[in-house]
Full PDB file with SEQRES, HELIX, SHEET, SSBOND, CRYST1, ORIGX, SCALE, CONECT and MASTER records, all heavy atoms in Angstrom:
SEQRES   1 A   43  VAL LEU SER VAL PHE TYR THR ILE PHE THR PRO LEU LEU          
SEQRES   2 A   43  ASN PRO LEU ILE TYR THR LEU ARG ASN GLN GLU VAL LYS          
SEQRES   3 A   43  THR ALA VAL MET LYS LYS LEU SER ARG GLN TYR LEU TYR          
SEQRES   4 A   43  HIS GLY THR THR                                              
HELIX    1 AA1 LEU A    2  VAL A    4  1                                   3    
HELIX    2 AA2 PHE A    5  PHE A    9  3                                   5    
HELIX    3 AA3 THR A   10  ARG A   21  1                                  12    
HELIX    4 AA4 GLN A   23  GLY A   41  1                                  19    
CRYST1    1.000    1.000    1.000  90.00  90.00  90.00 P 1           1          
ORIGX1      1.000000  0.000000  0.000000        0.00000                         
ORIGX2      0.000000  1.000000  0.000000        0.00000                         
ORIGX3      0.000000  0.000000  1.000000        0.00000                         
SCALE1      1.000000  0.000000  0.000000        0.00000                         
SCALE2      0.000000  1.000000  0.000000        0.00000                         
SCALE3      0.000000  0.000000  1.000000        0.00000                         
ATOM      1  N   VAL A   1      81.374  95.592  92.782  1.00  0.00           N  
ATOM      2  CA  VAL A   1      81.307  94.392  93.622  1.00  0.00           C  
ATOM      3  C   VAL A   1      81.936  93.212  92.907  1.00  0.00           C  
ATOM      4  O   VAL A   1      82.719  92.447  93.491  1.00  0.00           O  
ATOM      5  CB  VAL A   1      79.846  94.073  93.997  1.00  0.00           C  
ATOM      6  CG1 VAL A   1      79.770  92.796  94.824  1.00  0.00           C  
ATOM      7  CG2 VAL A   1      79.225  95.239  94.750  1.00  0.00           C  
ATOM      8  N   LEU A   2      81.625  93.053  91.624  1.00  0.00           N  
ATOM      9  CA  LEU A   2      82.179  91.944  90.857  1.00  0.00           C  
ATOM     10  C   LEU A   2      83.689  92.096  90.674  1.00  0.00           C  
ATOM     11  O   LEU A   2      84.420  91.105  90.673  1.00  0.00           O  
ATOM     12  CB  LEU A   2      81.487  91.859  89.494  1.00  0.00           C  
ATOM     13  CG  LEU A   2      80.003  91.475  89.529  1.00  0.00           C  
ATOM     14  CD1 LEU A   2      79.404  91.508  88.122  1.00  0.00           C  
ATOM     15  CD2 LEU A   2      79.815  90.095  90.142  1.00  0.00           C  
ATOM     16  N   SER A   3      84.150  93.349  90.513  1.00  0.00           N  
ATOM     17  CA  SER A   3      85.593  93.578  90.392  1.00  0.00           C  
ATOM     18  C   SER A   3      86.308  93.166  91.671  1.00  0.00           C  
ATOM     19  O   SER A   3      87.389  92.556  91.627  1.00  0.00           O  
ATOM     20  CB  SER A   3      85.868  95.047  90.086  1.00  0.00           C  
ATOM     21  OG  SER A   3      85.343  95.416  88.835  1.00  0.00           O  
ATOM     22  N   VAL A   4      85.722  93.501  92.819  1.00  0.00           N  
ATOM     23  CA  VAL A   4      86.290  93.070  94.099  1.00  0.00           C  
ATOM     24  C   VAL A   4      86.287  91.550  94.184  1.00  0.00           C  
ATOM     25  O   VAL A   4      87.235  90.927  94.672  1.00  0.00           O  
ATOM     26  CB  VAL A   4      85.493  93.675  95.275  1.00  0.00           C  
ATOM     27  CG1 VAL A   4      85.909  93.044  96.595  1.00  0.00           C  
ATOM     28  CG2 VAL A   4      85.693  95.181  95.330  1.00  0.00           C  
ATOM     29  N   PHE A   5      85.213  90.946  93.649  1.00  0.00           N  
ATOM     30  CA  PHE A   5      85.057  89.496  93.777  1.00  0.00           C  
ATOM     31  C   PHE A   5      86.158  88.743  93.048  1.00  0.00           C  
ATOM     32  O   PHE A   5      86.804  87.862  93.620  1.00  0.00           O  
ATOM     33  CB  PHE A   5      83.680  89.079  93.239  1.00  0.00           C  
ATOM     34  CG  PHE A   5      83.219  87.749  93.742  1.00  0.00           C  
ATOM     35  CD1 PHE A   5      82.543  87.652  94.949  1.00  0.00           C  
ATOM     36  CD2 PHE A   5      83.477  86.598  93.035  1.00  0.00           C  
ATOM     37  CE1 PHE A   5      82.131  86.423  95.435  1.00  0.00           C  
ATOM     38  CE2 PHE A   5      83.067  85.362  93.502  1.00  0.00           C  
ATOM     39  CZ  PHE A   5      82.388  85.272  94.707  1.00  0.00           C  
ATOM     40  N   TYR A   6      86.404  89.097  91.762  1.00  0.00           N  
ATOM     41  CA  TYR A   6      87.362  88.275  91.019  1.00  0.00           C  
ATOM     42  C   TYR A   6      88.816  88.721  91.204  1.00  0.00           C  
ATOM     43  O   TYR A   6      89.728  88.004  90.799  1.00  0.00           O  
ATOM     44  CB  TYR A   6      87.001  88.183  89.529  1.00  0.00           C  
ATOM     45  CG  TYR A   6      87.319  89.366  88.659  1.00  0.00           C  
ATOM     46  CD1 TYR A   6      88.571  89.537  88.093  1.00  0.00           C  
ATOM     47  CD2 TYR A   6      86.342  90.310  88.348  1.00  0.00           C  
ATOM     48  CE1 TYR A   6      88.857  90.610  87.275  1.00  0.00           C  
ATOM     49  CE2 TYR A   6      86.615  91.385  87.531  1.00  0.00           C  
ATOM     50  CZ  TYR A   6      87.878  91.523  86.994  1.00  0.00           C  
ATOM     51  OH  TYR A   6      88.149  92.592  86.191  1.00  0.00           O  
ATOM     52  N   THR A   7      89.045  89.882  91.836  1.00  0.00           N  
ATOM     53  CA  THR A   7      90.429  90.283  92.120  1.00  0.00           C  
ATOM     54  C   THR A   7      90.841  90.009  93.565  1.00  0.00           C  
ATOM     55  O   THR A   7      92.036  89.922  93.856  1.00  0.00           O  
ATOM     56  CB  THR A   7      90.636  91.781  91.845  1.00  0.00           C  
ATOM     57  OG1 THR A   7      89.713  92.550  92.626  1.00  0.00           O  
ATOM     58  CG2 THR A   7      90.436  92.087  90.370  1.00  0.00           C  
ATOM     59  N   ILE A   8      89.871  89.869  94.474  1.00  0.00           N  
ATOM     60  CA  ILE A   8      90.192  89.675  95.885  1.00  0.00           C  
ATOM     61  C   ILE A   8      89.606  88.376  96.436  1.00  0.00           C  
ATOM     62  O   ILE A   8      90.323  87.541  96.995  1.00  0.00           O  
ATOM     63  CB  ILE A   8      89.699  90.871  96.725  1.00  0.00           C  
ATOM     64  CG1 ILE A   8      90.412  92.160  96.294  1.00  0.00           C  
ATOM     65  CG2 ILE A   8      89.919  90.619  98.215  1.00  0.00           C  
ATOM     66  CD1 ILE A   8      89.926  93.402  96.976  1.00  0.00           C  
ATOM     67  N   PHE A   9      88.288  88.182  96.270  1.00  0.00           N  
ATOM     68  CA  PHE A   9      87.643  87.041  96.908  1.00  0.00           C  
ATOM     69  C   PHE A   9      87.971  85.710  96.227  1.00  0.00           C  
ATOM     70  O   PHE A   9      88.213  84.712  96.912  1.00  0.00           O  
ATOM     71  CB  PHE A   9      86.130  87.246  96.951  1.00  0.00           C  
ATOM     72  CG  PHE A   9      85.691  88.261  97.955  1.00  0.00           C  
ATOM     73  CD1 PHE A   9      85.035  89.407  97.567  1.00  0.00           C  
ATOM     74  CD2 PHE A   9      85.951  88.081  99.307  1.00  0.00           C  
ATOM     75  CE1 PHE A   9      84.641  90.357  98.489  1.00  0.00           C  
ATOM     76  CE2 PHE A   9      85.568  89.021 100.241  1.00  0.00           C  
ATOM     77  CZ  PHE A   9      84.901  90.165  99.830  1.00  0.00           C  
ATOM     78  N   THR A  10      87.978  85.686  94.888  1.00  0.00           N  
ATOM     79  CA  THR A  10      88.267  84.426  94.200  1.00  0.00           C  
ATOM     80  C   THR A  10      89.666  83.897  94.517  1.00  0.00           C  
ATOM     81  O   THR A  10      89.812  82.716  94.839  1.00  0.00           O  
ATOM     82  CB  THR A  10      88.079  84.587  92.678  1.00  0.00           C  
ATOM     83  OG1 THR A  10      86.729  84.977  92.413  1.00  0.00           O  
ATOM     84  CG2 THR A  10      88.372  83.283  91.956  1.00  0.00           C  
ATOM     85  N   PRO A  11      90.729  84.721  94.458  1.00  0.00           N  
ATOM     86  CA  PRO A  11      92.056  84.205  94.862  1.00  0.00           C  
ATOM     87  C   PRO A  11      92.105  83.764  96.320  1.00  0.00           C  
ATOM     88  O   PRO A  11      92.902  82.888  96.671  1.00  0.00           O  
ATOM     89  CB  PRO A  11      92.988  85.402  94.625  1.00  0.00           C  
ATOM     90  CG  PRO A  11      92.305  86.216  93.590  1.00  0.00           C  
ATOM     91  CD  PRO A  11      90.843  86.084  93.896  1.00  0.00           C  
ATOM     92  N   LEU A  12      91.250  84.354  97.179  1.00  0.00           N  
ATOM     93  CA  LEU A  12      91.203  83.943  98.580  1.00  0.00           C  
ATOM     94  C   LEU A  12      90.476  82.617  98.751  1.00  0.00           C  
ATOM     95  O   LEU A  12      90.903  81.746  99.525  1.00  0.00           O  
ATOM     96  CB  LEU A  12      90.509  85.026  99.421  1.00  0.00           C  
ATOM     97  CG  LEU A  12      90.152  84.652 100.863  1.00  0.00           C  
ATOM     98  CD1 LEU A  12      91.418  84.429 101.683  1.00  0.00           C  
ATOM     99  CD2 LEU A  12      89.293  85.739 101.496  1.00  0.00           C  
ATOM    100  N   LEU A  13      89.379  82.445  98.015  1.00  0.00           N  
ATOM    101  CA  LEU A  13      88.548  81.255  98.182  1.00  0.00           C  
ATOM    102  C   LEU A  13      89.145  80.022  97.518  1.00  0.00           C  
ATOM    103  O   LEU A  13      88.856  78.898  97.939  1.00  0.00           O  
ATOM    104  CB  LEU A  13      87.145  81.519  97.618  1.00  0.00           C  
ATOM    105  CG  LEU A  13      86.318  82.561  98.374  1.00  0.00           C  
ATOM    106  CD1 LEU A  13      84.998  82.806  97.656  1.00  0.00           C  
ATOM    107  CD2 LEU A  13      86.052  82.102  99.809  1.00  0.00           C  
ATOM    108  N   ASN A  14      89.962  80.198  96.489  1.00  0.00           N  
ATOM    109  CA  ASN A  14      90.546  79.046  95.798  1.00  0.00           C  
ATOM    110  C   ASN A  14      91.283  78.097  96.740  1.00  0.00           C  
ATOM    111  O   ASN A  14      91.014  76.893  96.747  1.00  0.00           O  
ATOM    112  CB  ASN A  14      91.473  79.512  94.673  1.00  0.00           C  
ATOM    113  CG  ASN A  14      90.706  79.894  93.422  1.00  0.00           C  
ATOM    114  OD1 ASN A  14      89.493  79.751  93.361  1.00  0.00           O  
ATOM    115  ND2 ASN A  14      91.405  80.382  92.427  1.00  0.00           N  
ATOM    116  N   PRO A  15      92.235  78.584  97.553  1.00  0.00           N  
ATOM    117  CA  PRO A  15      92.918  77.648  98.459  1.00  0.00           C  
ATOM    118  C   PRO A  15      91.978  77.034  99.491  1.00  0.00           C  
ATOM    119  O   PRO A  15      92.148  75.871  99.870  1.00  0.00           O  
ATOM    120  CB  PRO A  15      93.995  78.509  99.128  1.00  0.00           C  
ATOM    121  CG  PRO A  15      93.541  79.914  98.960  1.00  0.00           C  
ATOM    122  CD  PRO A  15      92.788  79.949  97.669  1.00  0.00           C  
ATOM    123  N   LEU A  16      90.979  77.808  99.955  1.00  0.00           N  
ATOM    124  CA  LEU A  16      90.026  77.266 100.922  1.00  0.00           C  
ATOM    125  C   LEU A  16      89.206  76.139 100.312  1.00  0.00           C  
ATOM    126  O   LEU A  16      88.999  75.093 100.936  1.00  0.00           O  
ATOM    127  CB  LEU A  16      89.100  78.381 101.427  1.00  0.00           C  
ATOM    128  CG  LEU A  16      89.752  79.513 102.212  1.00  0.00           C  
ATOM    129  CD1 LEU A  16      88.720  80.560 102.599  1.00  0.00           C  
ATOM    130  CD2 LEU A  16      90.438  78.967 103.453  1.00  0.00           C  
ATOM    131  N   ILE A  17      88.749  76.330  99.074  1.00  0.00           N  
ATOM    132  CA  ILE A  17      87.946  75.312  98.406  1.00  0.00           C  
ATOM    133  C   ILE A  17      88.751  74.047  98.182  1.00  0.00           C  
ATOM    134  O   ILE A  17      88.303  72.931  98.462  1.00  0.00           O  
ATOM    135  CB  ILE A  17      87.394  75.857  97.075  1.00  0.00           C  
ATOM    136  CG1 ILE A  17      86.317  76.909  97.337  1.00  0.00           C  
ATOM    137  CG2 ILE A  17      86.821  74.725  96.219  1.00  0.00           C  
ATOM    138  CD1 ILE A  17      85.858  77.623  96.094  1.00  0.00           C  
ATOM    139  N   TYR A  18      89.970  74.198  97.696  1.00  0.00           N  
ATOM    140  CA  TYR A  18      90.778  73.024  97.385  1.00  0.00           C  
ATOM    141  C   TYR A  18      91.233  72.288  98.641  1.00  0.00           C  
ATOM    142  O   TYR A  18      91.328  71.065  98.650  1.00  0.00           O  
ATOM    143  CB  TYR A  18      91.980  73.417  96.535  1.00  0.00           C  
ATOM    144  CG  TYR A  18      91.636  73.580  95.076  1.00  0.00           C  
ATOM    145  CD1 TYR A  18      91.599  74.837  94.485  1.00  0.00           C  
ATOM    146  CD2 TYR A  18      91.320  72.480  94.294  1.00  0.00           C  
ATOM    147  CE1 TYR A  18      91.262  74.990  93.157  1.00  0.00           C  
ATOM    148  CE2 TYR A  18      90.984  72.619  92.958  1.00  0.00           C  
ATOM    149  CZ  TYR A  18      90.961  73.879  92.397  1.00  0.00           C  
ATOM    150  OH  TYR A  18      90.619  74.022  91.088  1.00  0.00           O  
ATOM    151  N   THR A  19      91.522  73.011  99.707  1.00  0.00           N  
ATOM    152  CA  THR A  19      91.975  72.339 100.928  1.00  0.00           C  
ATOM    153  C   THR A  19      90.811  71.713 101.687  1.00  0.00           C  
ATOM    154  O   THR A  19      90.962  70.653 102.292  1.00  0.00           O  
ATOM    155  CB  THR A  19      92.716  73.319 101.853  1.00  0.00           C  
ATOM    156  OG1 THR A  19      91.895  74.470 102.082  1.00  0.00           O  
ATOM    157  CG2 THR A  19      94.022  73.747 101.249  1.00  0.00           C  
ATOM    158  N   LEU A  20      89.639  72.348 101.645  1.00  0.00           N  
ATOM    159  CA  LEU A  20      88.499  71.824 102.381  1.00  0.00           C  
ATOM    160  C   LEU A  20      87.822  70.661 101.653  1.00  0.00           C  
ATOM    161  O   LEU A  20      87.253  69.781 102.284  1.00  0.00           O  
ATOM    162  CB  LEU A  20      87.474  72.938 102.638  1.00  0.00           C  
ATOM    163  CG  LEU A  20      87.910  74.038 103.613  1.00  0.00           C  
ATOM    164  CD1 LEU A  20      86.836  75.101 103.724  1.00  0.00           C  
ATOM    165  CD2 LEU A  20      88.208  73.442 104.988  1.00  0.00           C  
ATOM    166  N   ARG A  21      87.876  70.645 100.325  1.00  0.00           N  
ATOM    167  CA  ARG A  21      87.179  69.616  99.563  1.00  0.00           C  
ATOM    168  C   ARG A  21      88.123  68.555  98.996  1.00  0.00           C  
ATOM    169  O   ARG A  21      87.659  67.598  98.394  1.00  0.00           O  
ATOM    170  CB  ARG A  21      86.381  70.253  98.412  1.00  0.00           C  
ATOM    171  CG  ARG A  21      85.268  71.179  98.880  1.00  0.00           C  
ATOM    172  CD  ARG A  21      84.358  71.512  97.721  1.00  0.00           C  
ATOM    173  NE  ARG A  21      83.742  70.328  97.174  1.00  0.00           N  
ATOM    174  CZ  ARG A  21      82.615  69.783  97.608  1.00  0.00           C  
ATOM    175  NH1 ARG A  21      81.999  70.311  98.647  1.00  0.00           N  
ATOM    176  NH2 ARG A  21      82.114  68.720  97.031  1.00  0.00           N  
ATOM    177  N   ASN A  22      89.410  68.706  99.191  1.00  0.00           N  
ATOM    178  CA  ASN A  22      90.374  67.727  98.702  1.00  0.00           C  
ATOM    179  C   ASN A  22      91.127  67.146  99.893  1.00  0.00           C  
ATOM    180  O   ASN A  22      91.927  67.828 100.528  1.00  0.00           O  
ATOM    181  CB  ASN A  22      91.340  68.384  97.712  1.00  0.00           C  
ATOM    182  CG  ASN A  22      92.205  67.379  96.998  1.00  0.00           C  
ATOM    183  OD1 ASN A  22      92.959  66.653  97.621  1.00  0.00           O  
ATOM    184  ND2 ASN A  22      92.097  67.329  95.679  1.00  0.00           N  
ATOM    185  N   GLN A  23      90.853  65.874 100.182  1.00  0.00           N  
ATOM    186  CA  GLN A  23      91.407  65.256 101.377  1.00  0.00           C  
ATOM    187  C   GLN A  23      92.922  65.145 101.316  1.00  0.00           C  
ATOM    188  O   GLN A  23      93.615  65.332 102.332  1.00  0.00           O  
ATOM    189  CB  GLN A  23      90.793  63.864 101.562  1.00  0.00           C  
ATOM    190  CG  GLN A  23      91.136  63.220 102.904  1.00  0.00           C  
ATOM    191  CD  GLN A  23      90.626  64.027 104.080  1.00  0.00           C  
ATOM    192  OE1 GLN A  23      89.521  64.559 104.054  1.00  0.00           O  
ATOM    193  NE2 GLN A  23      91.447  64.138 105.120  1.00  0.00           N  
ATOM    194  N   GLU A  24      93.477  64.853 100.142  1.00  0.00           N  
ATOM    195  CA  GLU A  24      94.928  64.706 100.011  1.00  0.00           C  
ATOM    196  C   GLU A  24      95.645  66.015 100.326  1.00  0.00           C  
ATOM    197  O   GLU A  24      96.630  66.040 101.068  1.00  0.00           O  
ATOM    198  CB  GLU A  24      95.291  64.221  98.607  1.00  0.00           C  
ATOM    199  CG  GLU A  24      95.081  62.743  98.376  1.00  0.00           C  
ATOM    200  CD  GLU A  24      95.584  62.309  97.019  1.00  0.00           C  
ATOM    201  OE1 GLU A  24      95.078  62.831  96.008  1.00  0.00           O  
ATOM    202  OE2 GLU A  24      96.473  61.454  96.953  1.00  0.00           O  
ATOM    203  N   VAL A  25      95.145  67.110  99.735  1.00  0.00           N  
ATOM    204  CA  VAL A  25      95.769  68.416  99.992  1.00  0.00           C  
ATOM    205  C   VAL A  25      95.584  68.811 101.449  1.00  0.00           C  
ATOM    206  O   VAL A  25      96.516  69.308 102.093  1.00  0.00           O  
ATOM    207  CB  VAL A  25      95.168  69.485  99.055  1.00  0.00           C  
ATOM    208  CG1 VAL A  25      95.746  70.858  99.376  1.00  0.00           C  
ATOM    209  CG2 VAL A  25      95.438  69.138  97.605  1.00  0.00           C  
ATOM    210  N   LYS A  26      94.394  68.589 101.974  1.00  0.00           N  
ATOM    211  CA  LYS A  26      94.118  68.959 103.368  1.00  0.00           C  
ATOM    212  C   LYS A  26      95.030  68.198 104.321  1.00  0.00           C  
ATOM    213  O   LYS A  26      95.599  68.779 105.255  1.00  0.00           O  
ATOM    214  CB  LYS A  26      92.653  68.689 103.699  1.00  0.00           C  
ATOM    215  CG  LYS A  26      92.242  69.102 105.097  1.00  0.00           C  
ATOM    216  CD  LYS A  26      90.729  69.204 105.234  1.00  0.00           C  
ATOM    217  CE  LYS A  26      90.050  67.900 104.924  1.00  0.00           C  
ATOM    218  NZ  LYS A  26      88.601  67.975 105.179  1.00  0.00           N  
ATOM    219  N   THR A  27      95.197  66.894 104.089  1.00  0.00           N  
ATOM    220  CA  THR A  27      96.065  66.085 104.940  1.00  0.00           C  
ATOM    221  C   THR A  27      97.517  66.538 104.841  1.00  0.00           C  
ATOM    222  O   THR A  27      98.226  66.652 105.854  1.00  0.00           O  
ATOM    223  CB  THR A  27      95.960  64.599 104.548  1.00  0.00           C  
ATOM    224  OG1 THR A  27      94.601  64.181 104.643  1.00  0.00           O  
ATOM    225  CG2 THR A  27      96.831  63.737 105.443  1.00  0.00           C  
ATOM    226  N   ALA A  28      97.978  66.803 103.608  1.00  0.00           N  
ATOM    227  CA  ALA A  28      99.364  67.238 103.411  1.00  0.00           C  
ATOM    228  C   ALA A  28      99.610  68.593 104.068  1.00  0.00           C  
ATOM    229  O   ALA A  28     100.669  68.822 104.675  1.00  0.00           O  
ATOM    230  CB  ALA A  28      99.680  67.308 101.915  1.00  0.00           C  
ATOM    231  N   VAL A  29      98.641  69.514 103.961  1.00  0.00           N  
ATOM    232  CA  VAL A  29      98.785  70.832 104.590  1.00  0.00           C  
ATOM    233  C   VAL A  29      98.848  70.697 106.105  1.00  0.00           C  
ATOM    234  O   VAL A  29      99.680  71.340 106.770  1.00  0.00           O  
ATOM    235  CB  VAL A  29      97.625  71.755 104.167  1.00  0.00           C  
ATOM    236  CG1 VAL A  29      97.597  73.017 105.036  1.00  0.00           C  
ATOM    237  CG2 VAL A  29      97.752  72.148 102.710  1.00  0.00           C  
ATOM    238  N   MET A  30      97.966  69.867 106.677  1.00  0.00           N  
ATOM    239  CA  MET A  30      97.948  69.696 108.129  1.00  0.00           C  
ATOM    240  C   MET A  30      99.253  69.063 108.619  1.00  0.00           C  
ATOM    241  O   MET A  30      99.786  69.454 109.665  1.00  0.00           O  
ATOM    242  CB  MET A  30      96.760  68.816 108.532  1.00  0.00           C  
ATOM    243  CG  MET A  30      95.403  69.465 108.295  1.00  0.00           C  
ATOM    244  SD  MET A  30      95.227  71.071 109.111  1.00  0.00           S  
ATOM    245  CE  MET A  30      95.327  70.571 110.828  1.00  0.00           C  
ATOM    246  N   LYS A  31      99.785  68.099 107.859  1.00  0.00           N  
ATOM    247  CA  LYS A  31     101.061  67.487 108.242  1.00  0.00           C  
ATOM    248  C   LYS A  31     102.193  68.507 108.203  1.00  0.00           C  
ATOM    249  O   LYS A  31     103.052  68.541 109.088  1.00  0.00           O  
ATOM    250  CB  LYS A  31     101.379  66.317 107.314  1.00  0.00           C  
ATOM    251  CG  LYS A  31     100.563  65.060 107.591  1.00  0.00           C  
ATOM    252  CD  LYS A  31     100.989  63.933 106.669  1.00  0.00           C  
ATOM    253  CE  LYS A  31     100.206  62.657 106.979  1.00  0.00           C  
ATOM    254  NZ  LYS A  31     100.587  61.543 106.087  1.00  0.00           N  
ATOM    255  N   LYS A  32     102.175  69.349 107.160  1.00  0.00           N  
ATOM    256  CA  LYS A  32     103.234  70.352 107.036  1.00  0.00           C  
ATOM    257  C   LYS A  32     103.158  71.364 108.174  1.00  0.00           C  
ATOM    258  O   LYS A  32     104.184  71.737 108.765  1.00  0.00           O  
ATOM    259  CB  LYS A  32     103.127  71.075 105.685  1.00  0.00           C  
ATOM    260  CG  LYS A  32     104.289  72.027 105.414  1.00  0.00           C  
ATOM    261  CD  LYS A  32     104.247  72.531 103.988  1.00  0.00           C  
ATOM    262  CE  LYS A  32     105.463  73.398 103.697  1.00  0.00           C  
ATOM    263  NZ  LYS A  32     106.720  72.635 103.793  1.00  0.00           N  
ATOM    264  N   LEU A  33     101.935  71.781 108.516  1.00  0.00           N  
ATOM    265  CA  LEU A  33     101.770  72.740 109.604  1.00  0.00           C  
ATOM    266  C   LEU A  33     102.158  72.118 110.944  1.00  0.00           C  
ATOM    267  O   LEU A  33     102.774  72.776 111.789  1.00  0.00           O  
ATOM    268  CB  LEU A  33     100.318  73.230 109.644  1.00  0.00           C  
ATOM    269  CG  LEU A  33      99.883  74.143 108.496  1.00  0.00           C  
ATOM    270  CD1 LEU A  33      98.407  74.478 108.615  1.00  0.00           C  
ATOM    271  CD2 LEU A  33     100.707  75.418 108.468  1.00  0.00           C  
ATOM    272  N   SER A  34     101.787  70.842 111.150  1.00  0.00           N  
ATOM    273  CA  SER A  34     102.131  70.182 112.415  1.00  0.00           C  
ATOM    274  C   SER A  34     103.634  69.990 112.543  1.00  0.00           C  
ATOM    275  O   SER A  34     104.199  70.142 113.630  1.00  0.00           O  
ATOM    276  CB  SER A  34     101.408  68.836 112.513  1.00  0.00           C  
ATOM    277  OG  SER A  34     101.826  67.955 111.477  1.00  0.00           O  
ATOM    278  N   ARG A  35     104.311  69.669 111.424  1.00  0.00           N  
ATOM    279  CA  ARG A  35     105.762  69.522 111.470  1.00  0.00           C  
ATOM    280  C   ARG A  35     106.437  70.848 111.800  1.00  0.00           C  
ATOM    281  O   ARG A  35     107.394  70.903 112.562  1.00  0.00           O  
ATOM    282  CB  ARG A  35     106.284  68.975 110.133  1.00  0.00           C  
ATOM    283  CG  ARG A  35     106.073  67.487 109.960  1.00  0.00           C  
ATOM    284  CD  ARG A  35     106.997  66.941 108.871  1.00  0.00           C  
ATOM    285  NE  ARG A  35     106.777  67.593 107.599  1.00  0.00           N  
ATOM    286  CZ  ARG A  35     105.977  67.116 106.657  1.00  0.00           C  
ATOM    287  NH1 ARG A  35     105.314  65.981 106.858  1.00  0.00           N  
ATOM    288  NH2 ARG A  35     105.836  67.757 105.514  1.00  0.00           N  
ATOM    289  N   GLN A  36     105.919  71.935 111.190  1.00  0.00           N  
ATOM    290  CA  GLN A  36     106.481  73.252 111.479  1.00  0.00           C  
ATOM    291  C   GLN A  36     106.268  73.627 112.941  1.00  0.00           C  
ATOM    292  O   GLN A  36     107.134  74.201 113.598  1.00  0.00           O  
ATOM    293  CB  GLN A  36     105.847  74.313 110.565  1.00  0.00           C  
ATOM    294  CG  GLN A  36     106.245  74.187 109.104  1.00  0.00           C  
ATOM    295  CD  GLN A  36     107.718  74.467 108.893  1.00  0.00           C  
ATOM    296  OE1 GLN A  36     108.303  75.317 109.524  1.00  0.00           O  
ATOM    297  NE2 GLN A  36     108.335  73.716 107.979  1.00  0.00           N  
ATOM    298  N   TYR A  37     105.090  73.267 113.467  1.00  0.00           N  
ATOM    299  CA  TYR A  37     104.784  73.583 114.868  1.00  0.00           C  
ATOM    300  C   TYR A  37     105.696  72.810 115.804  1.00  0.00           C  
ATOM    301  O   TYR A  37     106.242  73.354 116.781  1.00  0.00           O  
ATOM    302  CB  TYR A  37     103.324  73.255 115.164  1.00  0.00           C  
ATOM    303  CG  TYR A  37     102.947  73.420 116.612  1.00  0.00           C  
ATOM    304  CD1 TYR A  37     102.721  74.679 117.164  1.00  0.00           C  
ATOM    305  CD2 TYR A  37     102.815  72.301 117.446  1.00  0.00           C  
ATOM    306  CE1 TYR A  37     102.387  74.835 118.495  1.00  0.00           C  
ATOM    307  CE2 TYR A  37     102.481  72.441 118.781  1.00  0.00           C  
ATOM    308  CZ  TYR A  37     102.266  73.709 119.293  1.00  0.00           C  
ATOM    309  OH  TYR A  37     101.934  73.855 120.620  1.00  0.00           O  
ATOM    310  N   LEU A  38     105.875  71.498 115.506  1.00  0.00           N  
ATOM    311  CA  LEU A  38     106.743  70.680 116.343  1.00  0.00           C  
ATOM    312  C   LEU A  38     108.193  71.145 116.263  1.00  0.00           C  
ATOM    313  O   LEU A  38     108.927  71.141 117.238  1.00  0.00           O  
ATOM    314  CB  LEU A  38     106.628  69.201 115.932  1.00  0.00           C  
ATOM    315  CG  LEU A  38     105.296  68.523 116.249  1.00  0.00           C  
ATOM    316  CD1 LEU A  38     105.266  67.118 115.665  1.00  0.00           C  
ATOM    317  CD2 LEU A  38     105.056  68.475 117.760  1.00  0.00           C  
ATOM    318  N   TYR A  39     108.605  71.566 115.044  1.00  0.00           N  
ATOM    319  CA  TYR A  39     109.986  72.018 114.847  1.00  0.00           C  
ATOM    320  C   TYR A  39     110.273  73.264 115.675  1.00  0.00           C  
ATOM    321  O   TYR A  39     111.295  73.364 116.345  1.00  0.00           O  
ATOM    322  CB  TYR A  39     110.244  72.295 113.362  1.00  0.00           C  
ATOM    323  CG  TYR A  39     111.594  72.888 113.079  1.00  0.00           C  
ATOM    324  CD1 TYR A  39     112.735  72.086 113.058  1.00  0.00           C  
ATOM    325  CD2 TYR A  39     111.745  74.258 112.837  1.00  0.00           C  
ATOM    326  CE1 TYR A  39     113.987  72.627 112.810  1.00  0.00           C  
ATOM    327  CE2 TYR A  39     112.981  74.811 112.585  1.00  0.00           C  
ATOM    328  CZ  TYR A  39     114.097  73.986 112.572  1.00  0.00           C  
ATOM    329  OH  TYR A  39     115.330  74.528 112.331  1.00  0.00           O  
ATOM    330  N   HIS A  40     109.334  74.224 115.611  1.00  0.00           N  
ATOM    331  CA  HIS A  40     109.555  75.472 116.347  1.00  0.00           C  
ATOM    332  C   HIS A  40     109.256  75.309 117.830  1.00  0.00           C  
ATOM    333  O   HIS A  40     109.725  76.097 118.651  1.00  0.00           O  
ATOM    334  CB  HIS A  40     108.682  76.589 115.767  1.00  0.00           C  
ATOM    335  CG  HIS A  40     109.115  77.023 114.406  1.00  0.00           C  
ATOM    336  ND1 HIS A  40     110.291  77.691 114.175  1.00  0.00           N  
ATOM    337  CD2 HIS A  40     108.532  76.869 113.187  1.00  0.00           C  
ATOM    338  CE1 HIS A  40     110.428  77.939 112.887  1.00  0.00           C  
ATOM    339  NE2 HIS A  40     109.375  77.438 112.268  1.00  0.00           N  
ATOM    340  N   GLY A  41     108.426  74.301 118.161  1.00  0.00           N  
ATOM    341  CA  GLY A  41     108.076  74.119 119.569  1.00  0.00           C  
ATOM    342  C   GLY A  41     109.081  73.288 120.325  1.00  0.00           C  
ATOM    343  O   GLY A  41     109.076  73.263 121.560  1.00  0.00           O  
ATOM    344  N   THR A  42     109.960  72.588 119.598  1.00  0.00           N  
ATOM    345  CA  THR A  42     110.960  71.749 120.255  1.00  0.00           C  
ATOM    346  C   THR A  42     112.182  72.578 120.609  1.00  0.00           C  
ATOM    347  O   THR A  42     112.729  73.274 119.761  1.00  0.00           O  
ATOM    348  CB  THR A  42     111.377  70.585 119.342  1.00  0.00           C  
ATOM    349  OG1 THR A  42     110.210  69.855 118.986  1.00  0.00           O  
ATOM    350  CG2 THR A  42     112.357  69.669 120.054  1.00  0.00           C  
ATOM    351  N   THR A  43     112.614  72.519 121.844  1.00  0.00           N  
ATOM    352  CA  THR A  43     113.798  73.266 122.270  1.00  0.00           C  
ATOM    353  C   THR A  43     114.969  72.315 122.405  1.00  0.00           C  
ATOM    354  O   THR A  43     114.836  71.204 122.915  1.00  0.00           O  
ATOM    355  CB  THR A  43     113.548  73.964 123.617  1.00  0.00           C  
ATOM    356  OG1 THR A  43     113.187  72.978 124.581  1.00  0.00           O  
ATOM    357  CG2 THR A  43     112.438  74.995 123.474  1.00  0.00           C  
TER     358      THR A  43                                                      
MASTER        0    0    0    4    0    0    0    6  357    1    0    4          
END                                                                             
């Protein structure tokens, strides 16, 4: 269980923790995703 945790779950949770608890990263990620959405959604 611990082997699964530090090889699979920890690398997965790191970006979630940093984006959810860090407003600057969260805002920058949302802006990047919205720009990509607008870019692909614009014809």
